[in-house]
């Protein structure tokens, strides 16, 4: 490769790395509730199954929320990543308040969300019912682009459906929680996101 081409390739790589790094920098907020309301869940009775990339998504409930992004984690090596390449930990109510979050450490791995606090600033039950690890399935390219670029700290608004995902070829399945108060295995929401916004 000639020197000018090497320089151009190096500059392009630096720019790409800078853009990736900037996209991962958290958005700061002063103390106070920035997403005060709990998610809204409504029954669904007649929604048709959705076919997406070889999976069948069965709607279980209508779902919408506005929440603060507390963490995000990328996945690429599991079956689930074919539907959900990124998991988001979302918080609402007092779990959207910087004054509370400054005392809580949040991590993600293996499709789980964990929090730790030396002295929890709010009741443990409230931490668990006002935050969740959510598996977000993009219904279209626009939703996928927003999810790919969303930053920790931003306020995410979305609407769609909680679903059960299945695949006939191997019997694989993945089912959303229908409660905000459950914990442990099966407590995450699997959301087919039809509309989305960030701020």
N, C-alpha and C. Protein backbone atom coordinates (compact mmCIF):
# COMPACT_ATOMS: atom_id res chain seq x y z
N UNK A 1 0.85 -1.20 0.00
CA UNK A 1 0.00 0.00 0.00
C UNK A 1 0.89 1.25 0.00
N UNK A 2 0.60 2.20 -0.87
CA UNK A 2 1.38 3.41 -0.94
C UNK A 2 1.13 4.28 0.29
N UNK A 3 2.12 5.14 0.59
CA UNK A 3 2.06 5.95 1.80
C UNK A 3 0.78 6.77 1.92
N UNK A 4 0.32 7.49 0.88
CA UNK A 4 -0.93 8.27 1.01
C UNK A 4 -2.13 7.40 1.35
N UNK A 5 -2.16 6.19 0.76
CA UNK A 5 -3.28 5.30 1.06
C UNK A 5 -3.22 4.80 2.49
N UNK A 6 -2.00 4.51 2.96
CA UNK A 6 -1.83 4.07 4.34
C UNK A 6 -2.27 5.16 5.31
N UNK A 7 -1.90 6.39 5.00
CA UNK A 7 -2.29 7.52 5.85
C UNK A 7 -3.80 7.69 5.86
N UNK A 8 -4.42 7.61 4.68
CA UNK A 8 -5.89 7.75 4.61
C UNK A 8 -6.59 6.64 5.37
N UNK A 9 -6.08 5.40 5.24
CA UNK A 9 -6.68 4.28 5.95
C UNK A 9 -6.53 4.45 7.45
N UNK A 10 -5.36 4.93 7.88
CA UNK A 10 -5.13 5.15 9.31
C UNK A 10 -6.05 6.24 9.85
N UNK A 11 -6.20 7.33 9.09
CA UNK A 11 -7.10 8.41 9.51
C UNK A 11 -8.54 7.92 9.60
N UNK A 12 -8.96 7.12 8.62
CA UNK A 12 -10.34 6.59 8.65
C UNK A 12 -10.55 5.71 9.87
N UNK A 13 -9.54 4.90 10.21
CA UNK A 13 -9.66 4.03 11.39
C UNK A 13 -9.73 4.86 12.67
N UNK A 14 -8.95 5.95 12.73
CA UNK A 14 -8.96 6.82 13.91
C UNK A 14 -10.32 7.50 14.06
N UNK A 15 -10.85 7.98 12.94
CA UNK A 15 -12.17 8.63 12.98
C UNK A 15 -13.24 7.64 13.43
N UNK A 16 -13.21 6.42 12.89
CA UNK A 16 -14.19 5.41 13.27
C UNK A 16 -14.09 5.08 14.75
N UNK A 17 -12.85 4.97 15.26
CA UNK A 17 -12.66 4.68 16.68
C UNK A 17 -13.16 5.83 17.54
N UNK A 18 -12.91 7.07 17.10
CA UNK A 18 -13.37 8.24 17.86
C UNK A 18 -14.89 8.30 17.91
N UNK A 19 -15.53 8.00 16.78
CA UNK A 19 -17.00 8.00 16.75
C UNK A 19 -17.55 6.90 17.65
N UNK A 20 -16.94 5.71 17.61
CA UNK A 20 -17.38 4.62 18.48
C UNK A 20 -17.21 5.01 19.94
N UNK A 21 -16.07 5.61 20.28
CA UNK A 21 -15.80 6.00 21.67
C UNK A 21 -16.81 7.05 22.13
N UNK A 22 -17.07 8.05 21.28
CA UNK A 22 -18.03 9.10 21.64
C UNK A 22 -19.42 8.52 21.87
N UNK A 23 -19.80 7.53 21.06
CA UNK A 23 -21.12 6.92 21.20
C UNK A 23 -21.28 6.18 22.52
N UNK A 24 -20.15 5.79 23.12
CA UNK A 24 -20.21 5.02 24.37
C UNK A 24 -20.05 5.89 25.61
N UNK A 25 -19.82 7.20 25.44
CA UNK A 25 -19.65 8.07 26.60
C UNK A 25 -21.00 8.40 27.22
N UNK A 26 -21.12 8.22 28.55
CA UNK A 26 -22.42 8.44 29.18
C UNK A 26 -22.87 9.89 29.15
N UNK A 27 -24.18 10.07 29.15
CA UNK A 27 -24.78 11.40 29.22
C UNK A 27 -25.06 11.70 30.69
N UNK A 28 -24.57 12.83 31.17
CA UNK A 28 -24.71 13.18 32.59
C UNK A 28 -26.02 13.93 32.84
N UNK A 29 -26.52 13.77 34.07
CA UNK A 29 -27.71 14.50 34.51
C UNK A 29 -27.48 15.02 35.92
N UNK A 30 -28.06 16.17 36.24
CA UNK A 30 -28.07 16.62 37.62
C UNK A 30 -29.05 15.77 38.41
N UNK A 31 -29.00 15.87 39.73
CA UNK A 31 -29.90 15.09 40.57
C UNK A 31 -31.35 15.41 40.26
N UNK A 32 -32.20 14.40 40.39
CA UNK A 32 -33.63 14.55 40.15
C UNK A 32 -34.15 13.47 39.23
N UNK A 33 -35.45 13.24 39.28
CA UNK A 33 -36.07 12.22 38.44
C UNK A 33 -36.11 12.69 36.99
N UNK A 34 -35.53 11.91 36.10
CA UNK A 34 -35.57 12.27 34.68
C UNK A 34 -36.51 11.36 33.91
N UNK A 35 -36.97 10.29 34.54
CA UNK A 35 -37.96 9.39 33.94
C UNK A 35 -38.85 8.91 35.09
N UNK A 36 -39.80 9.73 35.51
CA UNK A 36 -40.51 9.46 36.76
C UNK A 36 -41.54 8.34 36.73
N UNK A 37 -42.03 7.97 35.55
CA UNK A 37 -43.18 7.07 35.48
C UNK A 37 -42.80 5.63 35.22
N UNK A 38 -43.57 4.72 35.81
CA UNK A 38 -43.37 3.29 35.58
C UNK A 38 -43.83 2.91 34.19
N UNK A 39 -43.29 1.82 33.62
CA UNK A 39 -43.77 1.35 32.32
C UNK A 39 -45.27 1.06 32.34
N UNK A 40 -45.88 1.13 31.18
CA UNK A 40 -47.31 0.85 31.02
C UNK A 40 -47.46 -0.46 30.26
N UNK A 41 -48.22 -1.38 30.83
CA UNK A 41 -48.47 -2.68 30.19
C UNK A 41 -49.96 -2.89 30.07
N UNK A 42 -50.41 -3.31 28.90
CA UNK A 42 -51.83 -3.51 28.65
C UNK A 42 -52.06 -4.86 27.99
N UNK A 43 -53.21 -5.47 28.25
CA UNK A 43 -53.48 -6.79 27.64
C UNK A 43 -53.53 -6.71 26.12
N UNK A 44 -53.16 -7.80 25.50
CA UNK A 44 -53.31 -7.93 24.05
C UNK A 44 -54.07 -9.23 23.80
N UNK A 45 -55.08 -9.18 22.95
CA UNK A 45 -55.93 -10.36 22.78
C UNK A 45 -55.97 -10.89 21.35
N UNK A 46 -55.73 -10.02 20.38
CA UNK A 46 -55.93 -10.46 18.99
C UNK A 46 -54.76 -10.13 18.08
N UNK A 47 -53.57 -9.89 18.66
CA UNK A 47 -52.42 -9.56 17.83
C UNK A 47 -51.89 -10.81 17.13
N UNK A 48 -51.60 -10.68 15.87
CA UNK A 48 -51.10 -11.82 15.09
C UNK A 48 -49.63 -12.06 15.37
N UNK A 49 -49.17 -13.29 15.30
CA UNK A 49 -47.74 -13.58 15.44
C UNK A 49 -46.94 -12.83 14.37
N UNK A 50 -45.69 -12.52 14.72
CA UNK A 50 -44.79 -11.77 13.84
C UNK A 50 -43.65 -12.70 13.44
N UNK A 51 -43.37 -12.79 12.16
CA UNK A 51 -42.24 -13.57 11.67
C UNK A 51 -41.08 -12.64 11.40
N UNK A 52 -39.93 -12.96 11.98
CA UNK A 52 -38.77 -12.08 11.86
C UNK A 52 -37.50 -12.92 11.82
N UNK A 53 -36.82 -12.91 10.69
CA UNK A 53 -35.53 -13.59 10.52
C UNK A 53 -35.54 -15.04 11.00
N UNK A 54 -36.58 -15.76 10.67
CA UNK A 54 -36.66 -17.17 11.04
C UNK A 54 -37.25 -17.44 12.41
N UNK A 55 -37.59 -16.40 13.16
CA UNK A 55 -38.20 -16.53 14.47
C UNK A 55 -39.69 -16.15 14.38
N UNK A 56 -40.48 -16.69 15.28
CA UNK A 56 -41.88 -16.30 15.40
C UNK A 56 -42.05 -15.62 16.75
N UNK A 57 -42.57 -14.39 16.72
CA UNK A 57 -42.79 -13.60 17.93
C UNK A 57 -44.28 -13.58 18.23
N UNK A 58 -44.65 -14.09 19.39
CA UNK A 58 -46.05 -14.10 19.81
C UNK A 58 -46.28 -12.98 20.81
N UNK A 59 -47.10 -11.98 20.48
CA UNK A 59 -47.34 -10.88 21.42
C UNK A 59 -48.04 -11.36 22.69
N UNK A 60 -47.55 -10.88 23.83
CA UNK A 60 -48.13 -11.23 25.13
C UNK A 60 -48.81 -10.04 25.79
N UNK A 61 -48.34 -8.83 25.51
CA UNK A 61 -48.93 -7.62 26.10
C UNK A 61 -48.40 -6.40 25.35
N UNK A 62 -49.21 -5.35 25.29
CA UNK A 62 -48.72 -4.07 24.80
C UNK A 62 -47.84 -3.46 25.88
N UNK A 63 -46.82 -2.71 25.47
CA UNK A 63 -45.84 -2.23 26.44
C UNK A 63 -45.26 -0.91 25.98
N UNK A 64 -45.14 0.05 26.91
CA UNK A 64 -44.48 1.31 26.60
C UNK A 64 -43.78 1.83 27.85
N UNK A 65 -42.74 2.59 27.63
CA UNK A 65 -42.02 3.16 28.78
C UNK A 65 -41.19 4.35 28.35
N UNK A 66 -40.83 5.15 29.34
CA UNK A 66 -39.79 6.15 29.21
C UNK A 66 -38.85 5.90 30.37
N UNK A 67 -37.57 5.66 30.10
CA UNK A 67 -36.64 5.26 31.14
C UNK A 67 -35.24 5.76 30.82
N UNK A 68 -34.44 5.86 31.85
CA UNK A 68 -33.04 6.25 31.71
C UNK A 68 -32.21 5.00 31.39
N UNK A 69 -31.30 5.11 30.44
CA UNK A 69 -30.40 4.00 30.13
C UNK A 69 -29.30 3.97 31.20
N UNK A 70 -29.26 2.89 31.97
CA UNK A 70 -28.29 2.75 33.06
C UNK A 70 -27.05 1.98 32.62
N UNK A 71 -27.20 1.10 31.64
CA UNK A 71 -26.07 0.32 31.12
C UNK A 71 -26.51 -0.32 29.82
N UNK A 72 -25.53 -0.73 29.02
CA UNK A 72 -25.81 -1.47 27.79
C UNK A 72 -24.68 -2.47 27.59
N UNK A 73 -25.01 -3.61 26.99
CA UNK A 73 -24.02 -4.67 26.77
C UNK A 73 -24.28 -5.32 25.42
N UNK A 74 -23.21 -5.48 24.64
CA UNK A 74 -23.33 -6.07 23.32
C UNK A 74 -23.14 -7.59 23.40
N UNK A 75 -23.87 -8.31 22.56
CA UNK A 75 -23.75 -9.76 22.46
C UNK A 75 -23.69 -10.16 20.99
N UNK A 76 -22.94 -11.21 20.69
CA UNK A 76 -22.84 -11.64 19.29
C UNK A 76 -22.66 -13.14 19.13
N UNK A 77 -22.46 -13.88 20.21
CA UNK A 77 -22.10 -15.30 20.08
C UNK A 77 -23.22 -16.25 20.47
N UNK A 78 -24.39 -15.75 20.83
CA UNK A 78 -25.49 -16.63 21.24
C UNK A 78 -26.64 -16.55 20.24
N UNK A 79 -27.54 -17.50 20.33
CA UNK A 79 -28.72 -17.48 19.45
C UNK A 79 -29.51 -16.19 19.63
N UNK A 80 -29.61 -15.74 20.87
CA UNK A 80 -30.39 -14.55 21.18
C UNK A 80 -29.89 -13.31 20.44
N UNK A 81 -28.59 -13.26 20.17
CA UNK A 81 -28.04 -12.08 19.51
C UNK A 81 -28.55 -11.92 18.09
N UNK A 82 -29.10 -12.99 17.50
CA UNK A 82 -29.70 -12.86 16.18
C UNK A 82 -30.93 -11.97 16.21
N UNK A 83 -31.58 -11.91 17.37
CA UNK A 83 -32.72 -11.03 17.57
C UNK A 83 -32.34 -9.77 18.34
N UNK A 84 -31.46 -9.94 19.35
CA UNK A 84 -31.15 -8.85 20.28
C UNK A 84 -29.63 -8.75 20.44
N UNK A 85 -28.98 -7.90 19.64
CA UNK A 85 -27.54 -7.77 19.78
C UNK A 85 -27.10 -6.93 20.98
N UNK A 86 -28.03 -6.17 21.56
CA UNK A 86 -27.69 -5.30 22.69
C UNK A 86 -28.78 -5.39 23.75
N UNK A 87 -28.37 -5.63 25.00
CA UNK A 87 -29.28 -5.55 26.15
C UNK A 87 -29.12 -4.18 26.80
N UNK A 88 -30.22 -3.66 27.31
CA UNK A 88 -30.20 -2.37 28.00
C UNK A 88 -30.73 -2.54 29.43
N UNK A 89 -30.00 -1.99 30.39
CA UNK A 89 -30.55 -1.84 31.74
C UNK A 89 -31.22 -0.48 31.77
N UNK A 90 -32.52 -0.47 32.09
CA UNK A 90 -33.30 0.76 32.09
C UNK A 90 -33.82 1.03 33.50
N UNK A 91 -33.88 2.30 33.87
CA UNK A 91 -34.37 2.69 35.19
C UNK A 91 -35.39 3.79 35.11
N UNK A 92 -36.38 3.75 35.97
CA UNK A 92 -37.42 4.77 36.03
C UNK A 92 -37.70 5.08 37.50
N UNK A 93 -38.55 6.09 37.75
CA UNK A 93 -38.77 6.50 39.13
C UNK A 93 -37.45 6.93 39.75
N UNK A 94 -37.23 6.56 41.01
CA UNK A 94 -35.99 6.98 41.68
C UNK A 94 -34.75 6.29 41.10
N UNK A 95 -34.95 5.24 40.29
CA UNK A 95 -33.81 4.64 39.61
C UNK A 95 -33.42 5.40 38.34
N UNK A 96 -34.01 6.58 38.15
CA UNK A 96 -33.55 7.49 37.10
C UNK A 96 -32.87 8.73 37.67
N UNK A 97 -32.70 8.74 38.99
CA UNK A 97 -32.17 9.90 39.72
C UNK A 97 -30.67 9.73 39.95
N UNK A 98 -29.89 10.66 39.44
CA UNK A 98 -28.43 10.60 39.62
C UNK A 98 -28.04 10.49 41.09
N UNK A 99 -28.77 11.15 41.97
CA UNK A 99 -28.45 11.12 43.39
C UNK A 99 -28.55 9.70 43.94
N UNK A 100 -29.43 8.90 43.41
CA UNK A 100 -29.57 7.50 43.80
C UNK A 100 -28.53 6.64 43.07
N UNK A 101 -28.40 6.84 41.78
CA UNK A 101 -27.54 6.00 40.96
C UNK A 101 -26.07 6.14 41.31
N UNK A 102 -25.66 7.28 41.85
CA UNK A 102 -24.26 7.47 42.24
C UNK A 102 -23.82 6.48 43.32
N UNK A 103 -24.78 5.90 44.06
CA UNK A 103 -24.45 4.95 45.13
C UNK A 103 -24.62 3.50 44.71
N UNK A 104 -24.96 3.26 43.45
CA UNK A 104 -25.24 1.90 42.98
C UNK A 104 -24.31 1.56 41.81
N UNK A 105 -23.72 0.39 41.88
CA UNK A 105 -22.88 -0.10 40.79
C UNK A 105 -23.68 -1.11 39.97
N UNK A 106 -23.67 -0.96 38.66
CA UNK A 106 -24.47 -1.79 37.76
C UNK A 106 -23.55 -2.50 36.76
N UNK A 107 -23.81 -3.78 36.55
CA UNK A 107 -23.03 -4.54 35.57
C UNK A 107 -23.95 -5.49 34.81
N UNK A 108 -23.47 -5.95 33.66
CA UNK A 108 -24.21 -6.91 32.83
C UNK A 108 -23.26 -7.98 32.34
N UNK A 109 -23.75 -9.20 32.26
CA UNK A 109 -23.02 -10.29 31.62
C UNK A 109 -23.96 -11.47 31.44
N UNK A 110 -23.72 -12.26 30.40
CA UNK A 110 -24.48 -13.49 30.15
C UNK A 110 -25.99 -13.24 30.16
N UNK A 111 -26.39 -12.07 29.64
CA UNK A 111 -27.82 -11.69 29.55
C UNK A 111 -28.44 -11.38 30.90
N UNK A 112 -27.63 -11.18 31.93
CA UNK A 112 -28.10 -10.82 33.27
C UNK A 112 -27.69 -9.39 33.59
N UNK A 113 -28.45 -8.77 34.50
CA UNK A 113 -28.14 -7.46 35.06
C UNK A 113 -27.96 -7.63 36.56
N UNK A 114 -26.88 -7.06 37.08
CA UNK A 114 -26.61 -7.14 38.52
C UNK A 114 -26.33 -5.75 39.06
N UNK A 115 -26.76 -5.50 40.27
CA UNK A 115 -26.46 -4.24 40.92
C UNK A 115 -25.87 -4.52 42.29
N UNK A 116 -25.02 -3.62 42.77
CA UNK A 116 -24.47 -3.72 44.11
C UNK A 116 -24.45 -2.32 44.72
N UNK A 117 -24.60 -2.28 46.03
CA UNK A 117 -24.53 -1.02 46.76
C UNK A 117 -24.12 -1.33 48.19
N UNK A 118 -23.10 -0.65 48.69
CA UNK A 118 -22.66 -0.86 50.06
C UNK A 118 -23.78 -0.53 51.04
N UNK A 119 -24.45 0.58 50.79
CA UNK A 119 -25.59 1.01 51.62
C UNK A 119 -26.67 1.48 50.66
N UNK A 120 -27.60 0.60 50.28
CA UNK A 120 -28.59 0.97 49.26
C UNK A 120 -29.30 2.28 49.61
N UNK A 121 -29.33 3.23 48.67
CA UNK A 121 -29.92 4.54 48.96
C UNK A 121 -31.45 4.53 48.99
N UNK A 122 -32.06 3.52 48.41
CA UNK A 122 -33.51 3.33 48.45
C UNK A 122 -33.77 1.87 48.76
N UNK A 123 -34.99 1.48 49.13
CA UNK A 123 -35.26 0.08 49.45
C UNK A 123 -34.91 -0.86 48.30
N UNK A 124 -34.40 -2.04 48.65
CA UNK A 124 -33.99 -3.01 47.64
C UNK A 124 -35.16 -3.36 46.72
N UNK A 125 -36.35 -3.52 47.29
CA UNK A 125 -37.51 -3.85 46.46
C UNK A 125 -37.78 -2.77 45.42
N UNK A 126 -37.51 -1.52 45.78
CA UNK A 126 -37.73 -0.43 44.82
C UNK A 126 -36.67 -0.44 43.72
N UNK A 127 -35.43 -0.73 44.09
CA UNK A 127 -34.37 -0.87 43.08
C UNK A 127 -34.78 -1.93 42.06
N UNK A 128 -35.26 -3.06 42.57
CA UNK A 128 -35.58 -4.19 41.70
C UNK A 128 -36.84 -3.97 40.88
N UNK A 129 -37.78 -3.20 41.39
CA UNK A 129 -39.02 -2.98 40.64
C UNK A 129 -38.99 -1.72 39.78
N UNK A 130 -37.93 -0.92 39.93
CA UNK A 130 -37.81 0.31 39.15
C UNK A 130 -36.65 0.28 38.17
N UNK A 131 -36.14 -0.92 37.91
CA UNK A 131 -35.09 -1.09 36.91
C UNK A 131 -35.20 -2.49 36.35
N UNK A 132 -34.70 -2.67 35.15
CA UNK A 132 -34.79 -3.99 34.53
C UNK A 132 -33.78 -4.11 33.40
N UNK A 133 -33.34 -5.33 33.17
CA UNK A 133 -32.55 -5.67 31.99
C UNK A 133 -33.54 -6.02 30.88
N UNK A 134 -33.52 -5.25 29.82
CA UNK A 134 -34.50 -5.46 28.75
C UNK A 134 -33.81 -5.87 27.46
N UNK A 135 -34.36 -6.92 26.84
CA UNK A 135 -33.90 -7.41 25.55
C UNK A 135 -34.80 -6.77 24.49
N UNK A 136 -34.24 -5.86 23.70
CA UNK A 136 -35.05 -5.06 22.78
C UNK A 136 -34.85 -5.53 21.34
N UNK A 137 -35.94 -5.97 20.72
CA UNK A 137 -35.94 -6.46 19.35
C UNK A 137 -36.39 -5.31 18.43
N UNK A 138 -35.56 -4.94 17.50
CA UNK A 138 -35.90 -3.85 16.57
C UNK A 138 -36.90 -4.32 15.53
N UNK A 139 -38.01 -3.61 15.42
CA UNK A 139 -39.03 -3.95 14.42
C UNK A 139 -38.67 -3.46 13.03
N UNK A 140 -37.76 -2.48 12.95
CA UNK A 140 -37.39 -1.92 11.65
C UNK A 140 -35.99 -1.32 11.73
N UNK A 141 -35.50 -0.86 10.59
CA UNK A 141 -34.14 -0.34 10.52
C UNK A 141 -33.96 0.92 11.36
N UNK A 142 -34.98 1.78 11.43
CA UNK A 142 -34.87 2.99 12.22
C UNK A 142 -34.69 2.66 13.69
N UNK A 143 -35.49 1.74 14.21
CA UNK A 143 -35.35 1.33 15.62
C UNK A 143 -33.96 0.75 15.84
N UNK A 144 -33.49 -0.08 14.92
CA UNK A 144 -32.17 -0.69 15.05
C UNK A 144 -31.08 0.38 15.12
N UNK A 145 -31.19 1.42 14.29
CA UNK A 145 -30.18 2.49 14.29
C UNK A 145 -30.19 3.24 15.63
N UNK A 146 -31.36 3.53 16.15
CA UNK A 146 -31.44 4.24 17.43
C UNK A 146 -30.84 3.40 18.55
N UNK A 147 -31.18 2.12 18.58
CA UNK A 147 -30.64 1.24 19.62
C UNK A 147 -29.12 1.14 19.51
N UNK A 148 -28.61 1.07 18.30
CA UNK A 148 -27.17 0.92 18.11
C UNK A 148 -26.40 2.14 18.61
N UNK A 149 -27.02 3.32 18.54
CA UNK A 149 -26.31 4.55 18.90
C UNK A 149 -26.70 5.10 20.27
N UNK A 150 -27.67 4.50 20.94
CA UNK A 150 -28.15 5.03 22.22
C UNK A 150 -27.04 4.97 23.28
N UNK A 151 -26.93 6.04 24.07
CA UNK A 151 -25.87 6.16 25.07
C UNK A 151 -26.41 5.93 26.48
N UNK A 152 -25.56 5.42 27.33
CA UNK A 152 -25.88 5.36 28.76
C UNK A 152 -26.16 6.78 29.24
N UNK A 153 -27.23 6.95 30.00
CA UNK A 153 -27.63 8.25 30.50
C UNK A 153 -28.75 8.89 29.70
N UNK A 154 -28.89 8.51 28.43
CA UNK A 154 -29.99 9.07 27.65
C UNK A 154 -31.34 8.56 28.15
N UNK A 155 -32.38 9.32 27.83
CA UNK A 155 -33.73 8.92 28.16
C UNK A 155 -34.34 8.26 26.93
N UNK A 156 -34.72 7.00 27.10
CA UNK A 156 -35.23 6.19 26.01
C UNK A 156 -36.74 6.05 26.13
N UNK A 157 -37.46 6.38 25.07
CA UNK A 157 -38.90 6.19 25.02
C UNK A 157 -39.19 5.12 23.96
N UNK A 158 -40.04 4.17 24.31
CA UNK A 158 -40.35 3.13 23.33
C UNK A 158 -41.76 2.61 23.53
N UNK A 159 -42.28 2.02 22.48
CA UNK A 159 -43.56 1.32 22.56
C UNK A 159 -43.50 0.11 21.65
N UNK A 160 -44.24 -0.92 22.05
CA UNK A 160 -44.25 -2.15 21.28
C UNK A 160 -44.99 -3.23 22.04
N UNK A 161 -44.44 -4.42 22.01
CA UNK A 161 -45.12 -5.55 22.63
C UNK A 161 -44.12 -6.45 23.35
N UNK A 162 -44.51 -6.93 24.52
CA UNK A 162 -43.78 -8.01 25.17
C UNK A 162 -44.12 -9.29 24.42
N UNK A 163 -43.10 -10.11 24.16
CA UNK A 163 -43.33 -11.25 23.27
C UNK A 163 -42.68 -12.53 23.81
N UNK A 164 -43.13 -13.64 23.24
CA UNK A 164 -42.44 -14.92 23.33
C UNK A 164 -41.87 -15.21 21.96
N UNK A 165 -40.57 -15.48 21.89
CA UNK A 165 -39.91 -15.78 20.63
C UNK A 165 -39.64 -17.28 20.54
N UNK A 166 -39.93 -17.86 19.39
CA UNK A 166 -39.68 -19.28 19.17
C UNK A 166 -39.04 -19.48 17.80
N UNK A 167 -38.40 -20.64 17.63
CA UNK A 167 -37.84 -21.00 16.33
C UNK A 167 -38.11 -22.49 16.11
N UNK A 168 -38.86 -22.79 15.07
CA UNK A 168 -39.27 -24.17 14.81
C UNK A 168 -38.11 -25.08 14.46
N UNK A 169 -37.06 -24.52 13.85
CA UNK A 169 -35.97 -25.36 13.35
C UNK A 169 -35.25 -26.13 14.44
N UNK A 170 -35.21 -25.58 15.66
CA UNK A 170 -34.49 -26.27 16.74
C UNK A 170 -35.23 -26.27 18.07
N UNK A 171 -36.47 -25.76 18.10
CA UNK A 171 -37.25 -25.75 19.33
C UNK A 171 -36.84 -24.68 20.33
N UNK A 172 -35.96 -23.78 19.91
CA UNK A 172 -35.50 -22.70 20.79
C UNK A 172 -36.67 -21.78 21.14
N UNK A 173 -36.66 -21.25 22.39
CA UNK A 173 -37.69 -20.27 22.78
C UNK A 173 -37.12 -19.30 23.81
N UNK A 174 -37.77 -18.16 23.90
CA UNK A 174 -37.35 -17.07 24.80
C UNK A 174 -38.61 -16.30 25.14
N UNK A 175 -38.97 -16.21 26.41
CA UNK A 175 -40.25 -15.62 26.81
C UNK A 175 -40.05 -14.43 27.72
N UNK A 176 -40.75 -13.35 27.44
CA UNK A 176 -40.68 -12.14 28.26
C UNK A 176 -41.33 -12.33 29.62
N UNK A 177 -40.76 -11.66 30.61
CA UNK A 177 -41.47 -11.47 31.88
C UNK A 177 -42.69 -10.56 31.63
N UNK A 178 -43.70 -10.74 32.44
CA UNK A 178 -44.87 -9.86 32.39
C UNK A 178 -45.03 -9.09 33.69
N UNK A 179 -43.97 -9.04 34.49
CA UNK A 179 -44.02 -8.37 35.79
C UNK A 179 -42.80 -7.48 35.96
N UNK A 180 -42.95 -6.37 36.66
CA UNK A 180 -41.79 -5.54 36.98
C UNK A 180 -41.22 -5.87 38.35
N UNK A 181 -41.83 -6.77 39.08
CA UNK A 181 -41.38 -7.05 40.44
C UNK A 181 -40.66 -8.39 40.58
N UNK A 182 -40.58 -9.18 39.50
CA UNK A 182 -39.89 -10.46 39.61
C UNK A 182 -38.38 -10.25 39.48
N UNK A 183 -37.61 -11.23 39.95
CA UNK A 183 -36.16 -11.18 39.88
C UNK A 183 -35.63 -12.55 39.48
N UNK A 184 -34.36 -12.60 39.10
CA UNK A 184 -33.76 -13.89 38.77
C UNK A 184 -34.05 -14.33 37.36
N UNK A 185 -33.85 -15.63 37.10
CA UNK A 185 -34.04 -16.18 35.76
C UNK A 185 -35.46 -15.94 35.27
N UNK A 186 -35.58 -15.48 34.04
CA UNK A 186 -36.89 -15.23 33.45
C UNK A 186 -37.51 -13.90 33.78
N UNK A 187 -36.77 -13.04 34.51
CA UNK A 187 -37.35 -11.77 34.96
C UNK A 187 -37.16 -10.63 33.96
N UNK A 188 -36.42 -10.85 32.90
CA UNK A 188 -36.17 -9.78 31.93
C UNK A 188 -37.33 -9.65 30.94
N UNK A 189 -37.48 -8.44 30.43
CA UNK A 189 -38.49 -8.18 29.42
C UNK A 189 -37.90 -8.39 28.02
N UNK A 190 -38.65 -9.07 27.19
CA UNK A 190 -38.31 -9.26 25.78
C UNK A 190 -39.31 -8.42 25.00
N UNK A 191 -38.84 -7.32 24.40
CA UNK A 191 -39.73 -6.30 23.84
C UNK A 191 -39.50 -6.17 22.34
N UNK A 192 -40.57 -6.34 21.59
CA UNK A 192 -40.58 -6.05 20.16
C UNK A 192 -40.87 -4.56 20.03
N UNK A 193 -39.85 -3.78 19.67
CA UNK A 193 -39.94 -2.31 19.71
C UNK A 193 -40.37 -1.79 18.34
N UNK A 194 -41.55 -1.18 18.31
CA UNK A 194 -42.10 -0.65 17.07
C UNK A 194 -41.86 0.84 16.89
N UNK A 195 -41.75 1.58 18.00
CA UNK A 195 -41.47 3.02 17.94
C UNK A 195 -40.50 3.37 19.05
N UNK A 196 -39.61 4.32 18.77
CA UNK A 196 -38.53 4.61 19.74
C UNK A 196 -38.08 6.05 19.59
N UNK A 197 -37.57 6.59 20.68
CA UNK A 197 -36.95 7.91 20.66
C UNK A 197 -35.96 8.01 21.80
N UNK A 198 -34.95 8.88 21.65
CA UNK A 198 -34.00 9.13 22.73
C UNK A 198 -33.79 10.63 22.85
N UNK A 199 -33.43 11.03 24.06
CA UNK A 199 -33.10 12.44 24.29
C UNK A 199 -32.06 12.53 25.40
